[in-house]
Amino acid sequence: MASRTVALAGATTLGGRAVRKGLDRGWLVARGRKPPEDPTSREVPWRDAILWTVATGVVIGLGQLLIRRGMQEGWVALTGEDPPA
């Protein structure tokens, strides 16, 4: 069970970095500028702050879901059993 936790943490970390890079690139393409580093800053327009917050929440949440489901499927493929709780 500890090895599953370590594998999940590693996959989540690597996946999170990839998701963040993709999100940054997507923002750059869509908005023509870098994403806000601090959406709470008064220098960031409300529209950008809200869009960035929503985009990161959705994309990171989906990324975590895909990583966890992928790990579960991999576990079942390797062991033929459901992963431990």
PDB file of N, CA and C in Angstrom:
ATOM      1  N   MET A   1       0.829  -1.193   0.000  1.00  0.00           N
ATOM      2  CA  MET A   1       0.000   0.000   0.000  1.00  0.00           C
ATOM      3  C   MET A   1       0.868   1.250   0.000  1.00  0.00           C
ATOM      4  N   ALA A   2       2.001   1.212   0.688  1.00  0.00           N
ATOM      5  CA  ALA A   2       2.886   2.374   0.705  1.00  0.00           C
ATOM      6  C   ALA A   2       3.441   2.652  -0.685  1.00  0.00           C
ATOM      7  N   SER A   3       3.742   1.582  -1.445  1.00  0.00           N
ATOM      8  CA  SER A   3       4.276   1.793  -2.788  1.00  0.00           C
ATOM      9  C   SER A   3       3.231   2.445  -3.688  1.00  0.00           C
ATOM     10  N   ARG A   4       1.967   2.099  -3.493  1.00  0.00           N
ATOM     11  CA  ARG A   4       0.892   2.734  -4.271  1.00  0.00           C
ATOM     12  C   ARG A   4       0.798   4.210  -3.934  1.00  0.00           C
ATOM     13  N   THR A   5       0.938   4.559  -2.678  1.00  0.00           N
ATOM     14  CA  THR A   5       0.880   5.952  -2.255  1.00  0.00           C
ATOM     15  C   THR A   5       2.032   6.744  -2.851  1.00  0.00           C
ATOM     16  N   VAL A   6       3.225   6.165  -2.830  1.00  0.00           N
ATOM     17  CA  VAL A   6       4.397   6.822  -3.402  1.00  0.00           C
ATOM     18  C   VAL A   6       4.222   6.987  -4.905  1.00  0.00           C
ATOM     19  N   ALA A   7       3.739   5.946  -5.576  1.00  0.00           N
ATOM     20  CA  ALA A   7       3.526   6.019  -7.022  1.00  0.00           C
ATOM     21  C   ALA A   7       2.479   7.079  -7.358  1.00  0.00           C
ATOM     22  N   LEU A   8       1.409   7.130  -6.583  1.00  0.00           N
ATOM     23  CA  LEU A   8       0.357   8.113  -6.822  1.00  0.00           C
ATOM     24  C   LEU A   8       0.887   9.528  -6.605  1.00  0.00           C
ATOM     25  N   ALA A   9       1.672   9.720  -5.561  1.00  0.00           N
ATOM     26  CA  ALA A   9       2.241  11.042  -5.297  1.00  0.00           C
ATOM     27  C   ALA A   9       3.181  11.464  -6.425  1.00  0.00           C
ATOM     28  N   GLY A  10       4.010  10.543  -6.888  1.00  0.00           N
ATOM     29  CA  GLY A  10       4.919  10.850  -7.987  1.00  0.00           C
ATOM     30  C   GLY A  10       4.179  11.166  -9.272  1.00  0.00           C
ATOM     31  N   ALA A  11       3.190  10.360  -9.589  1.00  0.00           N
ATOM     32  CA  ALA A  11       2.407  10.587 -10.806  1.00  0.00           C
ATOM     33  C   ALA A  11       1.648  11.903 -10.727  1.00  0.00           C
ATOM     34  N   THR A  12       1.114  12.206  -9.572  1.00  0.00           N
ATOM     35  CA  THR A  12       0.376  13.452  -9.395  1.00  0.00           C
ATOM     36  C   THR A  12       1.288  14.657  -9.545  1.00  0.00           C
ATOM     37  N   THR A  13       2.486  14.569  -8.975  1.00  0.00           N
ATOM     38  CA  THR A  13       3.445  15.670  -9.088  1.00  0.00           C
ATOM     39  C   THR A  13       3.857  15.899 -10.529  1.00  0.00           C
ATOM     40  N   LEU A  14       4.249  14.830 -11.213  1.00  0.00           N
ATOM     41  CA  LEU A  14       4.664  14.960 -12.614  1.00  0.00           C
ATOM     42  C   LEU A  14       3.491  15.402 -13.495  1.00  0.00           C
ATOM     43  N   GLY A  15       2.351  14.813 -13.263  1.00  0.00           N
ATOM     44  CA  GLY A  15       1.169  15.186 -14.030  1.00  0.00           C
ATOM     45  C   GLY A  15       0.774  16.632 -13.779  1.00  0.00           C
ATOM     46  N   GLY A  16       0.886  17.053 -12.539  1.00  0.00           N
ATOM     47  CA  GLY A  16       0.557  18.440 -12.191  1.00  0.00           C
ATOM     48  C   GLY A  16       1.452  19.439 -12.896  1.00  0.00           C
ATOM     49  N   ARG A  17       2.726  19.114 -12.995  1.00  0.00           N
ATOM     50  CA  ARG A  17       3.657  19.999 -13.706  1.00  0.00           C
ATOM     51  C   ARG A  17       3.310  20.078 -15.182  1.00  0.00           C
ATOM     52  N   ALA A  18       3.000  18.933 -15.766  1.00  0.00           N
ATOM     53  CA  ALA A  18       2.641  18.912 -17.194  1.00  0.00           C
ATOM     54  C   ALA A  18       1.353  19.691 -17.430  1.00  0.00           C
ATOM     55  N   VAL A  19       0.379  19.523 -16.546  1.00  0.00           N
ATOM     56  CA  VAL A  19      -0.890  20.225 -16.672  1.00  0.00           C
ATOM     57  C   VAL A  19      -0.670  21.734 -16.561  1.00  0.00           C
ATOM     58  N   ARG A  20       0.154  22.133 -15.624  1.00  0.00           N
ATOM     59  CA  ARG A  20       0.418  23.569 -15.420  1.00  0.00           C
ATOM     60  C   ARG A  20       1.094  24.174 -16.649  1.00  0.00           C
ATOM     61  N   LYS A  21       2.073  23.466 -17.215  1.00  0.00           N
ATOM     62  CA  LYS A  21       2.741  23.978 -18.417  1.00  0.00           C
ATOM     63  C   LYS A  21       1.751  24.106 -19.569  1.00  0.00           C
ATOM     64  N   GLY A  22       0.904  23.117 -19.737  1.00  0.00           N
ATOM     65  CA  GLY A  22      -0.103  23.170 -20.784  1.00  0.00           C
ATOM     66  C   GLY A  22      -1.085  24.307 -20.567  1.00  0.00           C
ATOM     67  N   LEU A  23      -1.461  24.520 -19.332  1.00  0.00           N
ATOM     68  CA  LEU A  23      -2.379  25.603 -18.996  1.00  0.00           C
ATOM     69  C   LEU A  23      -1.746  26.959 -19.290  1.00  0.00           C
ATOM     70  N   ASP A  24      -0.487  27.124 -18.922  1.00  0.00           N
ATOM     71  CA  ASP A  24       0.225  28.371 -19.200  1.00  0.00           C
ATOM     72  C   ASP A  24       0.299  28.633 -20.703  1.00  0.00           C
ATOM     73  N   ARG A  25       0.623  27.592 -21.477  1.00  0.00           N
ATOM     74  CA  ARG A  25       0.709  27.740 -22.936  1.00  0.00           C
ATOM     75  C   ARG A  25      -0.654  28.074 -23.537  1.00  0.00           C
ATOM     76  N   GLY A  26      -1.682  27.401 -23.050  1.00  0.00           N
ATOM     77  CA  GLY A  26      -3.026  27.672 -23.534  1.00  0.00           C
ATOM     78  C   GLY A  26      -3.444  29.112 -23.283  1.00  0.00           C
ATOM     79  N   TRP A  27      -3.123  29.617 -22.104  1.00  0.00           N
ATOM     80  CA  TRP A  27      -3.449  31.007 -21.771  1.00  0.00           C
ATOM     81  C   TRP A  27      -2.698  31.954 -22.700  1.00  0.00           C
ATOM     82  N   LEU A  28      -1.429  31.673 -22.920  1.00  0.00           N
ATOM     83  CA  LEU A  28      -0.614  32.519 -23.786  1.00  0.00           C
ATOM     84  C   LEU A  28      -1.184  32.570 -25.204  1.00  0.00           C
ATOM     85  N   VAL A  29      -1.602  31.428 -25.714  1.00  0.00           N
ATOM     86  CA  VAL A  29      -2.183  31.379 -27.053  1.00  0.00           C
ATOM     87  C   VAL A  29      -3.528  32.111 -27.087  1.00  0.00           C
ATOM     88  N   ALA A  30      -4.369  31.852 -26.109  1.00  0.00           N
ATOM     89  CA  ALA A  30      -5.717  32.419 -26.101  1.00  0.00           C
ATOM     90  C   ALA A  30      -5.730  33.918 -25.788  1.00  0.00           C
ATOM     91  N   ARG A  31      -4.889  34.345 -24.865  1.00  0.00           N
ATOM     92  CA  ARG A  31      -4.943  35.735 -24.406  1.00  0.00           C
ATOM     93  C   ARG A  31      -3.808  36.599 -24.951  1.00  0.00           C
ATOM     94  N   GLY A  32      -2.775  35.969 -25.537  1.00  0.00           N
ATOM     95  CA  GLY A  32      -1.676  36.737 -26.114  1.00  0.00           C
ATOM     96  C   GLY A  32      -0.696  37.300 -25.103  1.00  0.00           C
ATOM     97  N   ARG A  33      -0.749  36.814 -23.880  1.00  0.00           N
ATOM     98  CA  ARG A  33       0.188  37.255 -22.837  1.00  0.00           C
ATOM     99  C   ARG A  33       0.304  36.162 -21.780  1.00  0.00           C
ATOM    100  N   LYS A  34       1.303  36.297 -20.928  1.00  0.00           N
ATOM    101  CA  LYS A  34       1.508  35.310 -19.870  1.00  0.00           C
ATOM    102  C   LYS A  34       0.332  35.337 -18.893  1.00  0.00           C
ATOM    103  N   PRO A  35       0.057  34.197 -18.272  1.00  0.00           N
ATOM    104  CA  PRO A  35      -1.029  34.178 -17.279  1.00  0.00           C
ATOM    105  C   PRO A  35      -0.630  34.984 -16.043  1.00  0.00           C
ATOM    106  N   PRO A  36      -1.611  35.445 -15.295  1.00  0.00           N
ATOM    107  CA  PRO A  36      -1.280  36.219 -14.101  1.00  0.00           C
ATOM    108  C   PRO A  36      -0.561  35.354 -13.063  1.00  0.00           C
ATOM    109  N   GLU A  37       0.533  35.883 -12.524  1.00  0.00           N
ATOM    110  CA  GLU A  37       1.247  35.158 -11.472  1.00  0.00           C
ATOM    111  C   GLU A  37       0.466  35.197 -10.169  1.00  0.00           C
ATOM    112  N   ASP A  38      -0.187  36.324  -9.921  1.00  0.00           N
ATOM    113  CA  ASP A  38      -0.971  36.484  -8.704  1.00  0.00           C
ATOM    114  C   ASP A  38      -2.327  37.085  -9.070  1.00  0.00           C
ATOM    115  N   PRO A  39      -3.331  36.233  -9.292  1.00  0.00           N
ATOM    116  CA  PRO A  39      -4.631  36.761  -9.694  1.00  0.00           C
ATOM    117  C   PRO A  39      -5.290  37.650  -8.636  1.00  0.00           C
ATOM    118  N   THR A  40      -4.776  37.629  -7.416  1.00  0.00           N
ATOM    119  CA  THR A  40      -5.347  38.493  -6.376  1.00  0.00           C
ATOM    120  C   THR A  40      -4.781  39.911  -6.422  1.00  0.00           C
ATOM    121  N   SER A  41      -3.757  40.127  -7.238  1.00  0.00           N
ATOM    122  CA  SER A  41      -3.139  41.448  -7.347  1.00  0.00           C
ATOM    123  C   SER A  41      -4.118  42.444  -7.948  1.00  0.00           C
ATOM    124  N   ARG A  42      -4.103  43.665  -7.448  1.00  0.00           N
ATOM    125  CA  ARG A  42      -4.970  44.719  -7.975  1.00  0.00           C
ATOM    126  C   ARG A  42      -4.565  45.114  -9.388  1.00  0.00           C
ATOM    127  N   GLU A  43      -3.370  44.746  -9.803  1.00  0.00           N
ATOM    128  CA  GLU A  43      -2.901  45.067 -11.152  1.00  0.00           C
ATOM    129  C   GLU A  43      -3.472  44.119 -12.209  1.00  0.00           C
ATOM    130  N   VAL A  44      -4.026  43.004 -11.778  1.00  0.00           N
ATOM    131  CA  VAL A  44      -4.625  42.030 -12.698  1.00  0.00           C
ATOM    132  C   VAL A  44      -6.096  42.394 -12.876  1.00  0.00           C
ATOM    133  N   PRO A  45      -6.535  42.598 -14.125  1.00  0.00           N
ATOM    134  CA  PRO A  45      -7.956  42.913 -14.342  1.00  0.00           C
ATOM    135  C   PRO A  45      -8.861  41.787 -13.808  1.00  0.00           C
ATOM    136  N   TRP A  46     -10.039  42.176 -13.334  1.00  0.00           N
ATOM    137  CA  TRP A  46     -10.975  41.198 -12.785  1.00  0.00           C
ATOM    138  C   TRP A  46     -11.232  40.064 -13.759  1.00  0.00           C
ATOM    139  N   ARG A  47     -11.434  40.393 -15.029  1.00  0.00           N
ATOM    140  CA  ARG A  47     -11.739  39.370 -16.034  1.00  0.00           C
ATOM    141  C   ARG A  47     -10.636  38.318 -16.085  1.00  0.00           C
ATOM    142  N   ASP A  48      -9.377  38.760 -16.120  1.00  0.00           N
ATOM    143  CA  ASP A  48      -8.259  37.820 -16.159  1.00  0.00           C
ATOM    144  C   ASP A  48      -8.161  37.015 -14.867  1.00  0.00           C
ATOM    145  N   ALA A  49      -8.381  37.673 -13.740  1.00  0.00           N
ATOM    146  CA  ALA A  49      -8.307  36.979 -12.454  1.00  0.00           C
ATOM    147  C   ALA A  49      -9.358  35.865 -12.369  1.00  0.00           C
ATOM    148  N   ILE A  50     -10.567  36.174 -12.790  1.00  0.00           N
ATOM    149  CA  ILE A  50     -11.646  35.185 -12.731  1.00  0.00           C
ATOM    150  C   ILE A  50     -11.405  34.064 -13.735  1.00  0.00           C
ATOM    151  N   LEU A  51     -11.061  34.415 -14.974  1.00  0.00           N
ATOM    152  CA  LEU A  51     -10.804  33.389 -15.993  1.00  0.00           C
ATOM    153  C   LEU A  51      -9.670  32.466 -15.583  1.00  0.00           C
ATOM    154  N   TRP A  52      -8.598  33.037 -15.059  1.00  0.00           N
ATOM    155  CA  TRP A  52      -7.451  32.213 -14.660  1.00  0.00           C
ATOM    156  C   TRP A  52      -7.825  31.283 -13.508  1.00  0.00           C
ATOM    157  N   THR A  53      -8.561  31.790 -12.548  1.00  0.00           N
ATOM    158  CA  THR A  53      -8.963  30.974 -11.400  1.00  0.00           C
ATOM    159  C   THR A  53      -9.860  29.819 -11.839  1.00  0.00           C
ATOM    160  N   VAL A  54     -10.833  30.104 -12.681  1.00  0.00           N
ATOM    161  CA  VAL A  54     -11.730  29.057 -13.174  1.00  0.00           C
ATOM    162  C   VAL A  54     -10.956  28.044 -14.016  1.00  0.00           C
ATOM    163  N   ALA A  55     -10.128  28.536 -14.922  1.00  0.00           N
ATOM    164  CA  ALA A  55      -9.358  27.640 -15.806  1.00  0.00           C
ATOM    165  C   ALA A  55      -8.439  26.727 -15.002  1.00  0.00           C
ATOM    166  N   THR A  56      -7.715  27.271 -14.039  1.00  0.00           N
ATOM    167  CA  THR A  56      -6.802  26.429 -13.269  1.00  0.00           C
ATOM    168  C   THR A  56      -7.568  25.418 -12.433  1.00  0.00           C
ATOM    169  N   GLY A  57      -8.677  25.831 -11.848  1.00  0.00           N
ATOM    170  CA  GLY A  57      -9.464  24.890 -11.050  1.00  0.00           C
ATOM    171  C   GLY A  57      -9.978  23.723 -11.874  1.00  0.00           C
ATOM    172  N   VAL A  58     -10.519  24.025 -13.034  1.00  0.00           N
ATOM    173  CA  VAL A  58     -11.072  22.977 -13.897  1.00  0.00           C
ATOM    174  C   VAL A  58      -9.968  22.076 -14.436  1.00  0.00           C
ATOM    175  N   VAL A  59      -8.929  22.679 -14.983  1.00  0.00           N
ATOM    176  CA  VAL A  59      -7.865  21.883 -15.611  1.00  0.00           C
ATOM    177  C   VAL A  59      -7.108  21.048 -14.586  1.00  0.00           C
ATOM    178  N   ILE A  60      -6.781  21.606 -13.448  1.00  0.00           N
ATOM    179  CA  ILE A  60      -6.055  20.846 -12.425  1.00  0.00           C
ATOM    180  C   ILE A  60      -6.943  19.746 -11.862  1.00  0.00           C
ATOM    181  N   GLY A  61      -8.214  20.040 -11.636  1.00  0.00           N
ATOM    182  CA  GLY A  61      -9.139  19.010 -11.154  1.00  0.00           C
ATOM    183  C   GLY A  61      -9.264  17.855 -12.137  1.00  0.00           C
ATOM    184  N   LEU A  62      -9.407  18.170 -13.416  1.00  0.00           N
ATOM    185  CA  LEU A  62      -9.479  17.118 -14.430  1.00  0.00           C
ATOM    186  C   LEU A  62      -8.167  16.340 -14.527  1.00  0.00           C
ATOM    187  N   GLY A  63      -7.066  17.046 -14.426  1.00  0.00           N
ATOM    188  CA  GLY A  63      -5.768  16.373 -14.457  1.00  0.00           C
ATOM    189  C   GLY A  63      -5.622  15.376 -13.321  1.00  0.00           C
ATOM    190  N   GLN A  64      -6.013  15.769 -12.123  1.00  0.00           N
ATOM    191  CA  GLN A  64      -5.946  14.862 -10.977  1.00  0.00           C
ATOM    192  C   GLN A  64      -6.854  13.655 -11.179  1.00  0.00           C
ATOM    193  N   LEU A  65      -8.042  13.888 -11.698  1.00  0.00           N
ATOM    194  CA  LEU A  65      -8.967  12.792 -11.963  1.00  0.00           C
ATOM    195  C   LEU A  65      -8.354  11.802 -12.950  1.00  0.00           C
ATOM    196  N   LEU A  66      -7.810  12.316 -14.050  1.00  0.00           N
ATOM    197  CA  LEU A  66      -7.219  11.440 -15.060  1.00  0.00           C
ATOM    198  C   LEU A  66      -6.034  10.655 -14.511  1.00  0.00           C
ATOM    199  N   ILE A  67      -5.202  11.290 -13.722  1.00  0.00           N
ATOM    200  CA  ILE A  67      -4.044  10.605 -13.137  1.00  0.00           C
ATOM    201  C   ILE A  67      -4.503   9.497 -12.193  1.00  0.00           C
ATOM    202  N   ARG A  68      -5.427   9.816 -11.313  1.00  0.00           N
ATOM    203  CA  ARG A  68      -5.890   8.808 -10.343  1.00  0.00           C
ATOM    204  C   ARG A  68      -6.604   7.643 -11.020  1.00  0.00           C
ATOM    205  N   ARG A  69      -7.448   7.955 -11.994  1.00  0.00           N
ATOM    206  CA  ARG A  69      -8.141   6.871 -12.705  1.00  0.00           C
ATOM    207  C   ARG A  69      -7.147   6.034 -13.495  1.00  0.00           C
ATOM    208  N   GLY A  70      -6.165   6.689 -14.092  1.00  0.00           N
ATOM    209  CA  GLY A  70      -5.128   5.960 -14.820  1.00  0.00           C
ATOM    210  C   GLY A  70      -4.332   5.046 -13.906  1.00  0.00           C
ATOM    211  N   MET A  71      -4.016   5.517 -12.712  1.00  0.00           N
ATOM    212  CA  MET A  71      -3.300   4.687 -11.739  1.00  0.00           C
ATOM    213  C   MET A  71      -4.153   3.479 -11.339  1.00  0.00           C
ATOM    214  N   GLN A  72      -5.436   3.699 -11.138  1.00  0.00           N
ATOM    215  CA  GLN A  72      -6.319   2.593 -10.778  1.00  0.00           C
ATOM    216  C   GLN A  72      -6.382   1.557 -11.898  1.00  0.00           C
ATOM    217  N   GLU A  73      -6.531   2.028 -13.125  1.00  0.00           N
ATOM    218  CA  GLU A  73      -6.581   1.112 -14.265  1.00  0.00           C
ATOM    219  C   GLU A  73      -5.271   0.348 -14.407  1.00  0.00           C
ATOM    220  N   GLY A  74      -4.161   1.037 -14.192  1.00  0.00           N
ATOM    221  CA  GLY A  74      -2.859   0.381 -14.255  1.00  0.00           C
ATOM    222  C   GLY A  74      -2.719  -0.690 -13.183  1.00  0.00           C
ATOM    223  N   TRP A  75      -3.195  -0.395 -11.988  1.00  0.00           N
ATOM    224  CA  TRP A  75      -3.141  -1.355 -10.883  1.00  0.00           C
ATOM    225  C   TRP A  75      -3.923  -2.614 -11.241  1.00  0.00           C
ATOM    226  N   VAL A  76      -5.132  -2.414 -11.752  1.00  0.00           N
ATOM    227  CA  VAL A  76      -5.978  -3.549 -12.129  1.00  0.00           C
ATOM    228  C   VAL A  76      -5.324  -4.351 -13.249  1.00  0.00           C
ATOM    229  N   ALA A  77      -4.715  -3.676 -14.226  1.00  0.00           N
ATOM    230  CA  ALA A  77      -4.061  -4.361 -15.330  1.00  0.00           C
ATOM    231  C   ALA A  77      -2.868  -5.189 -14.843  1.00  0.00           C
ATOM    232  N   LEU A  78      -2.146  -4.674 -13.854  1.00  0.00           N
ATOM    233  CA  LEU A  78      -0.966  -5.381 -13.351  1.00  0.00           C
ATOM    234  C   LEU A  78      -1.307  -6.509 -12.383  1.00  0.00           C
ATOM    235  N   THR A  79      -2.319  -6.277 -11.533  1.00  0.00           N
ATOM    236  CA  THR A  79      -2.595  -7.245 -10.464  1.00  0.00           C
ATOM    237  C   THR A  79      -3.860  -8.055 -10.699  1.00  0.00           C
ATOM    238  N   GLY A  80      -4.762  -7.544 -11.546  1.00  0.00           N
ATOM    239  CA  GLY A  80      -6.047  -8.212 -11.728  1.00  0.00           C
ATOM    240  C   GLY A  80      -7.008  -7.982 -10.579  1.00  0.00           C
ATOM    241  N   GLU A  81      -6.649  -7.093  -9.663  1.00  0.00           N
ATOM    242  CA  GLU A  81      -7.483  -6.804  -8.497  1.00  0.00           C
ATOM    243  C   GLU A  81      -7.727  -5.294  -8.387  1.00  0.00           C
ATOM    244  N   ASP A  82      -8.784  -4.940  -7.659  1.00  0.00           N
ATOM    245  CA  ASP A  82      -9.010  -3.529  -7.371  1.00  0.00           C
ATOM    246  C   ASP A  82      -7.896  -3.024  -6.479  1.00  0.00           C
ATOM    247  N   PRO A  83      -7.530  -1.758  -6.632  1.00  0.00           N
ATOM    248  CA  PRO A  83      -6.479  -1.206  -5.760  1.00  0.00           C
ATOM    249  C   PRO A  83      -6.959  -1.134  -4.315  1.00  0.00           C
ATOM    250  N   PRO A  84      -6.027  -1.222  -3.374  1.00  0.00           N
ATOM    251  CA  PRO A  84      -6.421  -1.104  -1.964  1.00  0.00           C
ATOM    252  C   PRO A  84      -6.959   0.288  -1.678  1.00  0.00           C
ATOM    253  N   ALA A  85      -7.843   0.354  -0.714  1.00  0.00           N
ATOM    254  CA  ALA A  85      -8.469   1.636  -0.369  1.00  0.00           C
ATOM    255  C   ALA A  85      -7.514   2.591   0.287  1.00  0.00           C
TER     256      ALA A  85
END
